[in-house]
Structures are given as structure tokens and as C-alpha cells.
C-alpha atoms as a PDB file:
ATOM      1  CA  UNK A   1      -3.596   7.889   2.994  1.00  0.00           C
ATOM      2  CA  UNK A   2      -5.979   4.966   2.285  1.00  0.00           C
ATOM      3  CA  UNK A   3      -8.466   5.685  -0.591  1.00  0.00           C
ATOM      4  CA  UNK A   4     -11.878   6.962   0.329  1.00  0.00           C
ATOM      5  CA  UNK A   5     -11.389   7.102   4.022  1.00  0.00           C
ATOM      6  CA  UNK A   6     -10.189   9.734   6.600  1.00  0.00           C
ATOM      7  CA  UNK A   7      -6.477  10.221   6.999  1.00  0.00           C
ATOM      8  CA  UNK A   8      -4.943   7.893   9.741  1.00  0.00           C
ATOM      9  CA  UNK A   9      -2.659  10.122  11.991  1.00  0.00           C
ATOM     10  CA  UNK A  10      -0.266   8.744  14.622  1.00  0.00           C
ATOM     11  CA  UNK A  11       1.032   5.118  15.000  1.00  0.00           C
ATOM     12  CA  UNK A  12      -2.022   4.068  17.079  1.00  0.00           C
ATOM     13  CA  UNK A  13      -4.537   4.918  14.365  1.00  0.00           C
ATOM     14  CA  UNK A  14      -2.184   3.445  11.247  1.00  0.00           C
ATOM     15  CA  UNK A  15      -2.092   0.222  13.250  1.00  0.00           C
ATOM     16  CA  UNK A  16      -5.758   0.143  13.734  1.00  0.00           C
ATOM     17  CA  UNK A  17      -6.523   0.809  10.361  1.00  0.00           C
ATOM     18  CA  UNK A  18      -4.142  -1.994   9.208  1.00  0.00           C
ATOM     19  CA  UNK A  19      -5.582  -4.402  11.909  1.00  0.00           C
ATOM     20  CA  UNK A  20      -9.309  -3.669  10.733  1.00  0.00           C
ATOM     21  CA  UNK A  21      -8.279  -4.544   6.964  1.00  0.00           C
ATOM     22  CA  UNK A  22      -6.655  -7.826   8.135  1.00  0.00           C
ATOM     23  CA  UNK A  23      -9.939  -8.607   9.909  1.00  0.00           C
ATOM     24  CA  UNK A  24     -11.636  -8.307   6.699  1.00  0.00           C
ATOM     25  CA  UNK A  25      -9.470  -9.688   4.225  1.00  0.00           C
ATOM     26  CA  UNK A  26      -6.345 -11.853   3.299  1.00  0.00           C
ATOM     27  CA  UNK A  27      -3.645  -9.939   1.282  1.00  0.00           C
ATOM     28  CA  UNK A  28      -1.093 -11.544  -0.591  1.00  0.00           C
ATOM     29  CA  UNK A  29       1.560  -9.385  -2.431  1.00  0.00           C
ATOM     30  CA  UNK A  30       3.084 -11.265  -5.400  1.00  0.00           C
ATOM     31  CA  UNK A  31       5.221  -8.339  -6.297  1.00  0.00           C
ATOM     32  CA  UNK A  32       6.192  -4.766  -5.427  1.00  0.00           C
ATOM     33  CA  UNK A  33       8.191  -2.822  -7.534  1.00  0.00           C
ATOM     34  CA  UNK A  34       9.816   0.532  -6.877  1.00  0.00           C
ATOM     35  CA  UNK A  35       9.622   2.303 -10.192  1.00  0.00           C
ATOM     36  CA  UNK A  36      11.727   5.405  -9.009  1.00  0.00           C
ATOM     37  CA  UNK A  37      13.566   6.432  -5.940  1.00  0.00           C
ATOM     38  CA  UNK A  38      14.876   9.879  -5.370  1.00  0.00           C
ATOM     39  CA  UNK A  39      16.795  11.366  -2.558  1.00  0.00           C
ATOM     40  CA  UNK A  40      17.705  14.686  -1.456  1.00  0.00           C
ATOM     41  CA  UNK A  41      19.617  15.199   1.648  1.00  0.00           C
ATOM     42  CA  UNK A  42      17.624  13.487   4.522  1.00  0.00           C
ATOM     43  CA  UNK A  43      14.393  13.420   2.476  1.00  0.00           C
ATOM     44  CA  UNK A  44      13.507  10.560  -0.066  1.00  0.00           C
ATOM     45  CA  UNK A  45      10.558   9.675  -2.171  1.00  0.00           C
ATOM     46  CA  UNK A  46       9.666   6.466  -4.009  1.00  0.00           C
ATOM     47  CA  UNK A  47       6.890   5.206  -6.141  1.00  0.00           C
ATOM     48  CA  UNK A  48       5.894   1.830  -7.365  1.00  0.00           C
ATOM     49  CA  UNK A  49       3.311  -0.840  -8.280  1.00  0.00           C
ATOM     50  CA  UNK A  50       2.183  -3.843  -6.160  1.00  0.00           C
ATOM     51  CA  UNK A  51       0.400  -6.700  -7.572  1.00  0.00           C
ATOM     52  CA  UNK A  52      -1.283  -9.360  -5.818  1.00  0.00           C
ATOM     53  CA  UNK A  53      -4.616 -10.963  -4.579  1.00  0.00           C
ATOM     54  CA  UNK A  54      -7.372 -10.219  -1.841  1.00  0.00           C
ATOM     55  CA  UNK A  55      -9.629 -12.772  -0.501  1.00  0.00           C
ATOM     56  CA  UNK A  56     -12.192 -11.875   1.968  1.00  0.00           C
ATOM     57  CA  UNK A  57     -12.135 -14.001   5.189  1.00  0.00           C
ATOM     58  CA  UNK A  58     -15.796 -14.413   5.060  1.00  0.00           C
ATOM     59  CA  UNK A  59     -15.394 -16.420   1.904  1.00  0.00           C
ATOM     60  CA  UNK A  60     -15.839 -16.103  -1.599  1.00  0.00           C
ATOM     61  CA  UNK A  61     -13.583 -15.985  -4.487  1.00  0.00           C
ATOM     62  CA  UNK A  62      -9.962 -14.029  -4.332  1.00  0.00           C
ATOM     63  CA  UNK A  63      -9.645 -11.127  -6.851  1.00  0.00           C
ATOM     64  CA  UNK A  64      -6.461  -9.775  -8.316  1.00  0.00           C
ATOM     65  CA  UNK A  65      -5.546  -6.393  -7.725  1.00  0.00           C
ATOM     66  CA  UNK A  66      -2.758  -3.930  -8.517  1.00  0.00           C
ATOM     67  CA  UNK A  67      -2.158  -0.398  -6.932  1.00  0.00           C
ATOM     68  CA  UNK A  68       0.194   2.291  -7.218  1.00  0.00           C
ATOM     69  CA  UNK A  69       1.873   3.910  -4.324  1.00  0.00           C
ATOM     70  CA  UNK A  70       4.040   6.853  -3.338  1.00  0.00           C
ATOM     71  CA  UNK A  71       6.290   7.033  -0.231  1.00  0.00           C
ATOM     72  CA  UNK A  72       7.970   9.710   1.554  1.00  0.00           C
ATOM     73  CA  UNK A  73      10.782   8.908   3.645  1.00  0.00           C
ATOM     74  CA  UNK A  74      12.871  10.841   6.375  1.00  0.00           C
ATOM     75  CA  UNK A  75      16.389   9.918   7.433  1.00  0.00           C
ATOM     76  CA  UNK A  76      16.528   9.445  11.108  1.00  0.00           C
ATOM     77  CA  UNK A  77      19.473  10.500  13.333  1.00  0.00           C
ATOM     78  CA  UNK A  78      20.795   6.813  13.341  1.00  0.00           C
ATOM     79  CA  UNK A  79      20.859   6.828   9.452  1.00  0.00           C
ATOM     80  CA  UNK A  80      17.782   4.607   9.109  1.00  0.00           C
ATOM     81  CA  UNK A  81      14.759   6.009   7.166  1.00  0.00           C
ATOM     82  CA  UNK A  82      11.351   6.313   8.515  1.00  0.00           C
ATOM     83  CA  UNK A  83       8.253   6.515   6.024  1.00  0.00           C
ATOM     84  CA  UNK A  84       6.464   9.779   6.982  1.00  0.00           C
ATOM     85  CA  UNK A  85       3.571   9.876   4.380  1.00  0.00           C
ATOM     86  CA  UNK A  86       2.177   6.894   2.135  1.00  0.00           C
ATOM     87  CA  UNK A  87      -0.634   7.229  -0.354  1.00  0.00           C
ATOM     88  CA  UNK A  88      -1.987   4.514  -2.689  1.00  0.00           C
ATOM     89  CA  UNK A  89      -4.894   3.921  -5.164  1.00  0.00           C
ATOM     90  CA  UNK A  90      -6.084   1.229  -7.409  1.00  0.00           C
ATOM     91  CA  UNK A  91      -3.994   0.702 -10.622  1.00  0.00           C
ATOM     92  CA  UNK A  92      -6.190  -0.824 -13.052  1.00  0.00           C
ATOM     93  CA  UNK A  93      -5.745  -4.278 -14.448  1.00  0.00           C
ATOM     94  CA  UNK A  94      -6.433  -4.602 -18.263  1.00  0.00           C
ATOM     95  CA  UNK A  95      -9.004  -1.768 -17.804  1.00  0.00           C
ATOM     96  CA  UNK A  96     -10.567  -3.332 -14.683  1.00  0.00           C
ATOM     97  CA  UNK A  97      -9.709  -2.054 -11.335  1.00  0.00           C
ATOM     98  CA  UNK A  98     -10.234  -5.844  -9.904  1.00  0.00           C
ATOM     99  CA  UNK A  99     -10.777  -8.904 -11.895  1.00  0.00           C
ATOM    100  CA  UNK A 100     -11.701 -12.416 -10.816  1.00  0.00           C
ATOM    101  CA  UNK A 101      -9.044 -15.174 -10.555  1.00  0.00           C
ATOM    102  CA  UNK A 102      -9.434 -17.835 -13.259  1.00  0.00           C
END
């Protein structure tokens, strides 16, 4: 559930969304920290914060970014976990949602 766009449903729609984003920007994640994880039976929820940089492929200065995310997982029959829902949005950096790198 990417901010400010329609919900992507199904594997193909989700992959297409990531491909389109990758065509426009180079994303680099410096850190991804799960702040809390809760498990109840075959369901789990986790939330956390990612920080990194985004650089437009068309040129221009990279910008620092931070985002907060929430993911819901379901345990599969083989014991692995599958993310069934993900939502994220900007996490302001020093009062700014995005700031230029020095």
C-alpha cells in the first residue's frame, strides 16, 4: 500500500509497481530496523523504520529519506512466513520529509 496511489493487488501488480519505481530512481537503504514484532499463532505483525537515499536516474542530487512501515505476515504450511500486507509512508527527518545530502 504505497502512499498516494491505488492499492496494488496480486503478485504481477506488485512487481510492476516495484519495476516502475526502479526505472525512475535508485534507492539505497542504509538501515532497516524492526522496532516491534508480535506473533499470534500463524499471524505476525512488524513495524519499523528504514533510512537511506533516493537518486533520480534522470540526474540530480540524491536525497536522504526515512520511512516507517508496517507489515503483516502469515505462516505458510511449510513453516515459512509470507508478507500478506505492507504499508509505508514518510518518516520526517528533522522536521523535513526529505532533505538534500551535504
